[in-house]
Amino acid sequence: MHRFLRLICVCLGLMPVWPSAAQTQPAAQAPVTAAACVSTVDALKAMLDDPAFPLQWDETTMDDGLPLRVAISEQHGVMSVAFVKTGKGLWADITGEVCQGGQALEIRFSAKQIRFGPAASWVLRYVLGDGGKFTLKRLSARQLEVATTGWSGLFAPARLAATAPSEGAGKP
């Protein structure tokens, strides 16, 4: 709840904005070029030099008991990053490129590249409705920081249940 209130205050200009770790990169960084951007899952794993990079991450720092899941996938040859709130549904789905920006990945998107779901608050729609960027910074093999304007969270690789059907499943 504290993060949500802080986000509201930031949006209304009632509180100073403290930069997150993702926003405190040195200003001397070279600008990201188009060559440092990818739009497929295979290209992302190659850019990271990590064929086992997890494509689903669960929030570990939520203060409401309902973790957000970040799921990276590819749809029709385009990268998709979906944010789904446990028990509430889609928060936002972003399509586009993922770019290497210093020590973090950047998901940049325009208003046309973000689709809000039923779990998206009016604050989120206001802050990101005209486009923006998320940063994903890998802190370790088991921890990822995801951040955007006025919000950040820590994530761990999702524990996925086995999806293979058991033998004989679907037979009467």
C-alpha atoms as a PDB file:
ATOM      1  CA  MET A   1       0.000   0.000   0.000  1.00  0.00           C
ATOM      2  CA  HIS A   2       2.902   2.352   0.797  1.00  0.00           C
ATOM      3  CA  ARG A   3       4.245   2.076  -2.777  1.00  0.00           C
ATOM      4  CA  PHE A   4       0.816   2.748  -4.221  1.00  0.00           C
ATOM      5  CA  LEU A   5       0.410   5.888  -2.105  1.00  0.00           C
ATOM      6  CA  ARG A   6       3.905   7.030  -3.029  1.00  0.00           C
ATOM      7  CA  LEU A   7       3.065   6.539  -6.705  1.00  0.00           C
ATOM      8  CA  ILE A   8      -0.086   8.641  -6.309  1.00  0.00           C
ATOM      9  CA  CYS A   9       1.868  11.389  -4.548  1.00  0.00           C
ATOM     10  CA  VAL A  10       4.544  11.331  -7.242  1.00  0.00           C
ATOM     11  CA  CYS A  11       1.889  11.622  -9.932  1.00  0.00           C
ATOM     12  CA  LEU A  12       0.238  14.529  -8.180  1.00  0.00           C
ATOM     13  CA  GLY A  13       3.546  16.256  -7.516  1.00  0.00           C
ATOM     14  CA  LEU A  14       3.027  16.276  -3.756  1.00  0.00           C
ATOM     15  CA  MET A  15       6.210  14.469  -2.901  1.00  0.00           C
ATOM     16  CA  PRO A  16       9.785  14.640  -4.157  1.00  0.00           C
ATOM     17  CA  VAL A  17      10.818  11.796  -6.422  1.00  0.00           C
ATOM     18  CA  TRP A  18      13.680   9.685  -5.104  1.00  0.00           C
ATOM     19  CA  PRO A  19      15.491   8.006  -7.969  1.00  0.00           C
ATOM     20  CA  SER A  20      15.479   4.243  -8.002  1.00  0.00           C
ATOM     21  CA  ALA A  21      18.674   2.319  -8.567  1.00  0.00           C
ATOM     22  CA  ALA A  22      17.702   1.985 -12.228  1.00  0.00           C
ATOM     23  CA  GLN A  23      17.463   5.783 -12.562  1.00  0.00           C
ATOM     24  CA  THR A  24      20.833   6.603 -10.976  1.00  0.00           C
ATOM     25  CA  GLN A  25      23.060   5.385 -13.803  1.00  0.00           C
ATOM     26  CA  PRO A  26      25.971   7.694 -14.657  1.00  0.00           C
ATOM     27  CA  ALA A  27      25.138  10.362 -17.221  1.00  0.00           C
ATOM     28  CA  ALA A  28      28.260   9.521 -19.227  1.00  0.00           C
ATOM     29  CA  GLN A  29      26.708   6.333 -20.666  1.00  0.00           C
ATOM     30  CA  ALA A  30      26.700   6.066 -24.426  1.00  0.00           C
ATOM     31  CA  PRO A  31      23.222   6.247 -25.926  1.00  0.00           C
ATOM     32  CA  VAL A  32      21.584   2.947 -26.791  1.00  0.00           C
ATOM     33  CA  THR A  33      21.717   2.245 -30.508  1.00  0.00           C
ATOM     34  CA  ALA A  34      19.282   0.261 -32.594  1.00  0.00           C
ATOM     35  CA  ALA A  35      21.900  -2.521 -32.849  1.00  0.00           C
ATOM     36  CA  ALA A  36      21.582  -3.095 -29.062  1.00  0.00           C
ATOM     37  CA  CYS A  37      17.857  -3.880 -29.309  1.00  0.00           C
ATOM     38  CA  VAL A  38      16.124  -7.205 -29.903  1.00  0.00           C
ATOM     39  CA  SER A  39      12.546  -8.202 -30.592  1.00  0.00           C
ATOM     40  CA  THR A  40      12.555 -11.996 -30.201  1.00  0.00           C
ATOM     41  CA  VAL A  41      13.074 -14.306 -27.236  1.00  0.00           C
ATOM     42  CA  ASP A  42      15.982 -16.132 -28.897  1.00  0.00           C
ATOM     43  CA  ALA A  43      17.705 -12.820 -29.681  1.00  0.00           C
ATOM     44  CA  LEU A  44      17.177 -11.685 -26.058  1.00  0.00           C
ATOM     45  CA  LYS A  45      18.806 -14.833 -24.687  1.00  0.00           C
ATOM     46  CA  ALA A  46      21.680 -14.408 -27.169  1.00  0.00           C
ATOM     47  CA  MET A  47      22.121 -10.731 -26.208  1.00  0.00           C
ATOM     48  CA  LEU A  48      22.277 -11.761 -22.539  1.00  0.00           C
ATOM     49  CA  ASP A  49      24.546 -14.700 -23.402  1.00  0.00           C
ATOM     50  CA  ASP A  50      22.237 -16.822 -21.248  1.00  0.00           C
ATOM     51  CA  PRO A  51      20.230 -19.560 -23.009  1.00  0.00           C
ATOM     52  CA  ALA A  52      18.612 -20.448 -19.654  1.00  0.00           C
ATOM     53  CA  PHE A  53      17.404 -16.900 -18.871  1.00  0.00           C
ATOM     54  CA  PRO A  54      13.996 -17.353 -17.150  1.00  0.00           C
ATOM     55  CA  LEU A  55      11.073 -15.946 -19.095  1.00  0.00           C
ATOM     56  CA  GLN A  56       8.730 -15.676 -16.087  1.00  0.00           C
ATOM     57  CA  TRP A  57       9.528 -13.823 -12.859  1.00  0.00           C
ATOM     58  CA  ASP A  58       7.434 -13.401  -9.682  1.00  0.00           C
ATOM     59  CA  GLU A  59       7.532 -10.300  -7.495  1.00  0.00           C
ATOM     60  CA  THR A  60       9.025 -10.806  -4.031  1.00  0.00           C
ATOM     61  CA  THR A  61       8.690  -7.272  -2.613  1.00  0.00           C
ATOM     62  CA  MET A  62       4.952  -6.629  -2.989  1.00  0.00           C
ATOM     63  CA  ASP A  63       3.282  -5.109   0.031  1.00  0.00           C
ATOM     64  CA  ASP A  64      -0.230  -6.345  -0.711  1.00  0.00           C
ATOM     65  CA  GLY A  65       0.434 -10.109  -0.657  1.00  0.00           C
ATOM     66  CA  LEU A  66      -0.416 -10.394  -4.370  1.00  0.00           C
ATOM     67  CA  PRO A  67       2.741 -10.807  -6.442  1.00  0.00           C
ATOM     68  CA  LEU A  68       3.009  -9.419  -9.928  1.00  0.00           C
ATOM     69  CA  ARG A  69       4.275 -11.879 -12.560  1.00  0.00           C
ATOM     70  CA  VAL A  70       6.406 -10.656 -15.435  1.00  0.00           C
ATOM     71  CA  ALA A  71       6.170 -12.997 -18.438  1.00  0.00           C
ATOM     72  CA  ILE A  72       8.374 -12.488 -21.485  1.00  0.00           C
ATOM     73  CA  SER A  73       7.178 -14.155 -24.670  1.00  0.00           C
ATOM     74  CA  GLU A  74       7.080 -13.729 -28.407  1.00  0.00           C
ATOM     75  CA  GLN A  75       3.914 -13.186 -30.396  1.00  0.00           C
ATOM     76  CA  HIS A  76       4.056 -13.110 -34.203  1.00  0.00           C
ATOM     77  CA  GLY A  77       7.796 -12.384 -34.142  1.00  0.00           C
ATOM     78  CA  VAL A  78       7.471  -9.486 -31.690  1.00  0.00           C
ATOM     79  CA  MET A  79       8.574  -9.427 -28.048  1.00  0.00           C
ATOM     80  CA  SER A  80       5.768  -9.245 -25.499  1.00  0.00           C
ATOM     81  CA  VAL A  81       6.232  -8.469 -21.803  1.00  0.00           C
ATOM     82  CA  ALA A  82       3.077  -9.096 -19.771  1.00  0.00           C
ATOM     83  CA  PHE A  83       2.554  -7.998 -16.171  1.00  0.00           C
ATOM     84  CA  VAL A  84      -0.151 -10.049 -14.430  1.00  0.00           C
ATOM     85  CA  LYS A  85      -1.306  -9.335 -10.865  1.00  0.00           C
ATOM     86  CA  THR A  86      -2.059 -12.497  -8.883  1.00  0.00           C
ATOM     87  CA  GLY A  87      -5.792 -12.856  -8.300  1.00  0.00           C
ATOM     88  CA  LYS A  88      -6.623  -9.701 -10.300  1.00  0.00           C
ATOM     89  CA  GLY A  89      -5.511 -10.429 -13.855  1.00  0.00           C
ATOM     90  CA  LEU A  90      -3.646  -8.501 -16.505  1.00  0.00           C
ATOM     91  CA  TRP A  91      -1.993  -5.295 -15.336  1.00  0.00           C
ATOM     92  CA  ALA A  92      -0.359  -4.415 -18.675  1.00  0.00           C
ATOM     93  CA  ASP A  93       0.990  -6.077 -21.805  1.00  0.00           C
ATOM     94  CA  ILE A  94       3.755  -4.344 -23.728  1.00  0.00           C
ATOM     95  CA  THR A  95       5.007  -5.230 -27.199  1.00  0.00           C
ATOM     96  CA  GLY A  96       8.133  -3.982 -28.868  1.00  0.00           C
ATOM     97  CA  GLU A  97      11.871  -4.105 -28.432  1.00  0.00           C
ATOM     98  CA  VAL A  98      14.055  -4.867 -25.470  1.00  0.00           C
ATOM     99  CA  CYS A  99      17.279  -2.852 -25.544  1.00  0.00           C
ATOM    100  CA  GLN A 100      20.549  -3.069 -23.660  1.00  0.00           C
ATOM    101  CA  GLY A 101      20.900   0.175 -21.704  1.00  0.00           C
ATOM    102  CA  GLY A 102      24.085   0.122 -19.661  1.00  0.00           C
ATOM    103  CA  GLN A 103      23.729  -2.530 -16.953  1.00  0.00           C
ATOM    104  CA  ALA A 104      19.959  -2.882 -17.400  1.00  0.00           C
ATOM    105  CA  LEU A 105      17.565  -3.926 -20.114  1.00  0.00           C
ATOM    106  CA  GLU A 106      15.040  -1.341 -21.249  1.00  0.00           C
ATOM    107  CA  ILE A 107      11.577  -2.093 -22.563  1.00  0.00           C
ATOM    108  CA  ARG A 108      10.583   1.046 -24.421  1.00  0.00           C
ATOM    109  CA  PHE A 109       7.047   1.448 -25.642  1.00  0.00           C
ATOM    110  CA  SER A 110       4.644   3.945 -27.169  1.00  0.00           C
ATOM    111  CA  ALA A 111       0.983   4.447 -26.318  1.00  0.00           C
ATOM    112  CA  LYS A 112       0.137   2.045 -29.155  1.00  0.00           C
ATOM    113  CA  GLN A 113       2.399  -0.661 -27.731  1.00  0.00           C
ATOM    114  CA  ILE A 114       0.831  -0.943 -24.259  1.00  0.00           C
ATOM    115  CA  ARG A 115      -2.454  -2.638 -23.504  1.00  0.00           C
ATOM    116  CA  PHE A 116      -3.879  -2.195 -20.036  1.00  0.00           C
ATOM    117  CA  GLY A 117      -5.822  -4.968 -18.366  1.00  0.00           C
ATOM    118  CA  PRO A 118      -8.539  -4.949 -15.711  1.00  0.00           C
ATOM    119  CA  ALA A 119      -5.968  -4.911 -12.876  1.00  0.00           C
ATOM    120  CA  ALA A 120      -4.440  -1.617 -14.093  1.00  0.00           C
ATOM    121  CA  SER A 121      -5.235   1.299 -11.801  1.00  0.00           C
ATOM    122  CA  TRP A 122      -6.039   4.763 -13.104  1.00  0.00           C
ATOM    123  CA  VAL A 123      -2.637   5.896 -11.793  1.00  0.00           C
ATOM    124  CA  LEU A 124      -0.844   3.306 -13.926  1.00  0.00           C
ATOM    125  CA  ARG A 125      -2.934   4.274 -16.957  1.00  0.00           C
ATOM    126  CA  TYR A 126      -2.127   7.942 -16.388  1.00  0.00           C
ATOM    127  CA  VAL A 127       1.615   7.462 -15.854  1.00  0.00           C
ATOM    128  CA  LEU A 128       2.216   5.015 -18.732  1.00  0.00           C
ATOM    129  CA  GLY A 129      -0.692   5.734 -21.077  1.00  0.00           C
ATOM    130  CA  ASP A 130       1.422   7.858 -23.431  1.00  0.00           C
ATOM    131  CA  GLY A 131       4.273   5.344 -23.472  1.00  0.00           C
ATOM    132  CA  GLY A 132       7.388   5.006 -21.391  1.00  0.00           C
ATOM    133  CA  LYS A 133       9.974   2.471 -20.384  1.00  0.00           C
ATOM    134  CA  PHE A 134      10.573  -0.285 -17.882  1.00  0.00           C
ATOM    135  CA  THR A 135      14.066  -1.276 -16.847  1.00  0.00           C
ATOM    136  CA  LEU A 136      15.008  -4.818 -15.950  1.00  0.00           C
ATOM    137  CA  LYS A 137      18.265  -5.120 -14.053  1.00  0.00           C
ATOM    138  CA  ARG A 138      19.588  -8.550 -13.198  1.00  0.00           C
ATOM    139  CA  LEU A 139      21.000  -8.371  -9.672  1.00  0.00           C
ATOM    140  CA  SER A 140      21.917 -12.072  -9.605  1.00  0.00           C
ATOM    141  CA  ALA A 141      20.920 -15.298 -11.339  1.00  0.00           C
ATOM    142  CA  ARG A 142      17.902 -15.446  -9.009  1.00  0.00           C
ATOM    143  CA  GLN A 143      16.953 -11.776  -8.677  1.00  0.00           C
ATOM    144  CA  LEU A 144      15.715  -9.152 -11.140  1.00  0.00           C
ATOM    145  CA  GLU A 145      14.805  -5.538 -10.398  1.00  0.00           C
ATOM    146  CA  VAL A 146      11.961  -4.171 -12.530  1.00  0.00           C
ATOM    147  CA  ALA A 147      11.369  -0.409 -12.433  1.00  0.00           C
ATOM    148  CA  THR A 148       9.430   2.365 -14.128  1.00  0.00           C
ATOM    149  CA  THR A 149       8.409   5.901 -13.218  1.00  0.00           C
ATOM    150  CA  GLY A 150       7.499   5.947  -9.513  1.00  0.00           C
ATOM    151  CA  TRP A 151       7.674   2.180  -8.967  1.00  0.00           C
ATOM    152  CA  SER A 152      10.163  -0.667  -8.665  1.00  0.00           C
ATOM    153  CA  GLY A 153      10.097  -4.214  -7.383  1.00  0.00           C
ATOM    154  CA  LEU A 154      12.336  -7.238  -6.952  1.00  0.00           C
ATOM    155  CA  PHE A 155      11.523 -10.487  -8.734  1.00  0.00           C
ATOM    156  CA  ALA A 156      12.664 -14.122  -8.606  1.00  0.00           C
ATOM    157  CA  PRO A 157      12.328 -16.752 -11.342  1.00  0.00           C
ATOM    158  CA  ALA A 158       8.791 -18.154 -11.330  1.00  0.00           C
ATOM    159  CA  ARG A 159       8.251 -21.642 -10.021  1.00  0.00           C
ATOM    160  CA  LEU A 160       6.233 -23.201 -12.781  1.00  0.00           C
ATOM    161  CA  ALA A 161       4.160 -26.311 -12.269  1.00  0.00           C
ATOM    162  CA  ALA A 162       4.829 -29.154 -14.664  1.00  0.00           C
ATOM    163  CA  THR A 163       2.682 -28.652 -17.728  1.00  0.00           C
ATOM    164  CA  ALA A 164       3.160 -32.052 -19.327  1.00  0.00           C
ATOM    165  CA  PRO A 165      -0.047 -34.076 -19.196  1.00  0.00           C
ATOM    166  CA  SER A 166       0.094 -37.256 -17.173  1.00  0.00           C
ATOM    167  CA  GLU A 167      -0.037 -40.531 -19.049  1.00  0.00           C
ATOM    168  CA  GLY A 168      -3.573 -41.395 -19.983  1.00  0.00           C
ATOM    169  CA  ALA A 169      -4.857 -37.868 -19.375  1.00  0.00           C
ATOM    170  CA  GLY A 170      -7.848 -36.927 -21.456  1.00  0.00           C
ATOM    171  CA  LYS A 171      -8.974 -40.539 -21.970  1.00  0.00           C
ATOM    172  CA  PRO A 172     -12.311 -41.705 -20.577  1.00  0.00           C
END
